[in-house]
Protein backbone atom coordinates (compact mmCIF):
# COMPACT_ATOMS: atom_id res chain seq x y z
CA MET A 1 6.81 -2.17 -35.49
CA GLN A 2 9.53 -3.04 -33.07
CA PRO A 3 10.52 -0.68 -30.27
CA HIS A 4 13.63 1.27 -30.79
CA ILE A 5 16.69 0.30 -28.64
CA SER A 6 16.56 3.69 -26.84
CA GLN A 7 12.98 2.93 -25.80
CA ILE A 8 13.96 -0.45 -24.34
CA LEU A 9 16.88 1.16 -22.45
CA GLN A 10 14.63 3.78 -21.03
CA LEU A 11 11.97 1.20 -20.17
CA SER A 12 14.75 -0.90 -18.43
CA LYS A 13 16.11 2.14 -16.47
CA ARG A 14 12.62 3.02 -15.34
CA ILE A 15 12.02 -0.57 -14.04
CA LYS A 16 15.35 -0.56 -12.27
CA SER A 17 14.51 2.90 -10.57
CA LEU A 18 11.27 1.52 -9.54
CA HIS A 19 12.88 -1.68 -7.98
CA TRP A 20 15.42 0.66 -6.12
CA ALA A 21 12.60 2.79 -4.88
CA ILE A 22 10.60 -0.19 -3.61
CA LEU A 23 13.81 -1.52 -1.99
CA ALA A 24 14.54 1.82 -0.25
CA TYR A 25 10.91 2.11 0.84
CA SER A 26 11.00 -1.51 2.27
CA ILE A 27 14.24 -0.86 4.05
CA LEU A 28 12.89 2.32 5.63
CA PHE A 29 9.70 0.71 6.58
CA ILE A 30 11.59 -2.09 8.33
CA ALA A 31 14.04 0.24 10.04
CA LEU A 32 11.39 2.59 11.35
CA TYR A 33 8.77 -0.21 12.33
CA PRO A 34 10.22 -0.65 15.82
CA TYR A 35 9.70 3.08 16.60
CA GLN A 36 6.18 3.19 15.13
CA LYS A 37 4.89 -0.29 16.05
CA ALA A 38 2.62 0.89 18.68
CA TYR A 39 1.44 4.16 17.27
CA ILE A 40 -2.04 4.42 15.59
CA ASP A 41 -4.14 7.40 15.13
CA PRO A 42 -7.91 7.66 15.47
CA ASP A 43 -8.59 7.25 11.79
CA GLY A 44 -6.45 4.00 11.79
CA MET A 45 -8.73 2.68 14.58
CA SER A 46 -11.76 3.48 12.37
CA TYR A 47 -10.21 1.73 9.44
CA ILE A 48 -9.61 -1.38 11.66
CA ASN A 49 -13.17 -1.45 12.78
CA ILE A 50 -14.37 -1.01 9.31
CA ALA A 51 -12.06 -3.76 8.03
CA GLN A 52 -13.28 -6.11 10.78
CA LYS A 53 -16.75 -5.59 9.59
CA TYR A 54 -15.77 -6.43 5.97
CA TYR A 55 -13.87 -9.51 7.28
CA LEU A 56 -16.84 -10.77 9.25
CA GLY A 57 -19.20 -10.23 6.25
CA ASN A 58 -21.04 -7.27 7.93
CA PHE A 59 -21.28 -5.22 4.82
CA LYS A 60 -24.12 -2.96 5.85
CA GLU A 61 -22.45 -1.74 8.86
CA ALA A 62 -19.05 -1.30 7.11
CA VAL A 63 -20.10 1.22 4.63
CA ASN A 64 -20.22 4.79 5.81
CA GLY A 65 -19.82 8.26 4.50
CA PHE A 66 -16.62 9.17 6.38
CA TRP A 67 -13.90 6.81 5.37
CA SER A 68 -12.95 5.43 1.95
CA PRO A 69 -13.35 1.72 1.73
CA LEU A 70 -10.00 1.05 -0.05
CA ILE A 71 -7.78 0.83 2.89
CA SER A 72 -10.24 -1.34 4.82
CA TRP A 73 -10.43 -3.65 1.75
CA VAL A 74 -6.72 -3.98 1.73
CA MET A 75 -6.65 -4.58 5.50
CA ALA A 76 -9.52 -7.25 5.63
CA PRO A 77 -7.69 -10.26 4.23
CA PHE A 78 -4.82 -9.80 6.65
CA PHE A 79 -7.26 -10.76 9.53
CA LEU A 80 -6.86 -14.36 8.44
CA ALA A 81 -3.04 -14.42 9.03
CA PHE A 82 -2.43 -11.87 11.86
CA SER A 83 -4.08 -11.18 15.22
CA SER A 84 -2.36 -7.74 15.90
CA LYS A 85 -4.70 -5.06 14.51
CA VAL A 86 -1.84 -2.46 14.65
CA LEU A 87 0.33 -4.77 12.71
CA ILE A 88 -2.35 -5.27 10.07
CA THR A 89 -2.69 -1.50 9.76
CA LYS A 90 1.14 -1.22 9.21
CA ILE A 91 1.22 -4.06 6.54
CA ALA A 92 -1.85 -2.43 4.69
CA SER A 93 0.06 0.82 4.69
CA PHE A 94 3.16 -0.78 3.32
CA PHE A 95 1.16 -2.26 0.52
CA VAL A 96 -0.60 1.08 -0.14
CA GLY A 97 2.86 2.80 -0.26
CA VAL A 98 4.19 0.32 -2.71
CA SER A 99 1.17 0.61 -4.92
CA VAL A 100 1.57 4.55 -4.92
CA LEU A 101 5.40 4.05 -5.96
CA ILE A 102 4.21 1.86 -8.85
CA ALA A 103 1.45 4.34 -9.96
CA LEU A 104 3.83 7.29 -9.68
CA ASN A 105 6.34 5.38 -11.89
CA LYS A 106 3.61 4.69 -14.47
CA LEU A 107 2.43 8.31 -14.41
CA ALA A 108 6.10 9.45 -14.95
CA SER A 109 6.32 7.22 -17.90
CA LEU A 110 3.36 8.76 -19.49
CA PHE A 111 4.99 12.19 -19.25
CA VAL A 112 8.53 10.82 -19.98
CA LEU A 113 9.90 12.18 -16.65
């Protein structure tokens, strides 16, 4: 059974809106980065410490009951390319934000919003 032309057009429109949302998010991220590049909260410092432990292979000390490991897992590979821990935090936050936009787009498609 082939999809109806209206379904194809709706999917195309949804993909375009996702691309526009990611583009707008990227532009805002780049525009606001100079004002936020030195800011990091205490939770961010904890995520950096945990990510460093994952990067160094110290898994026993990395696992704890306070912080979810996902952000630290996203941050850990960036220690290979960047030396600035604050920059690593900002890059990981960017990728988490893009992932949220993609997930919300998928969720909206399930409910035909």
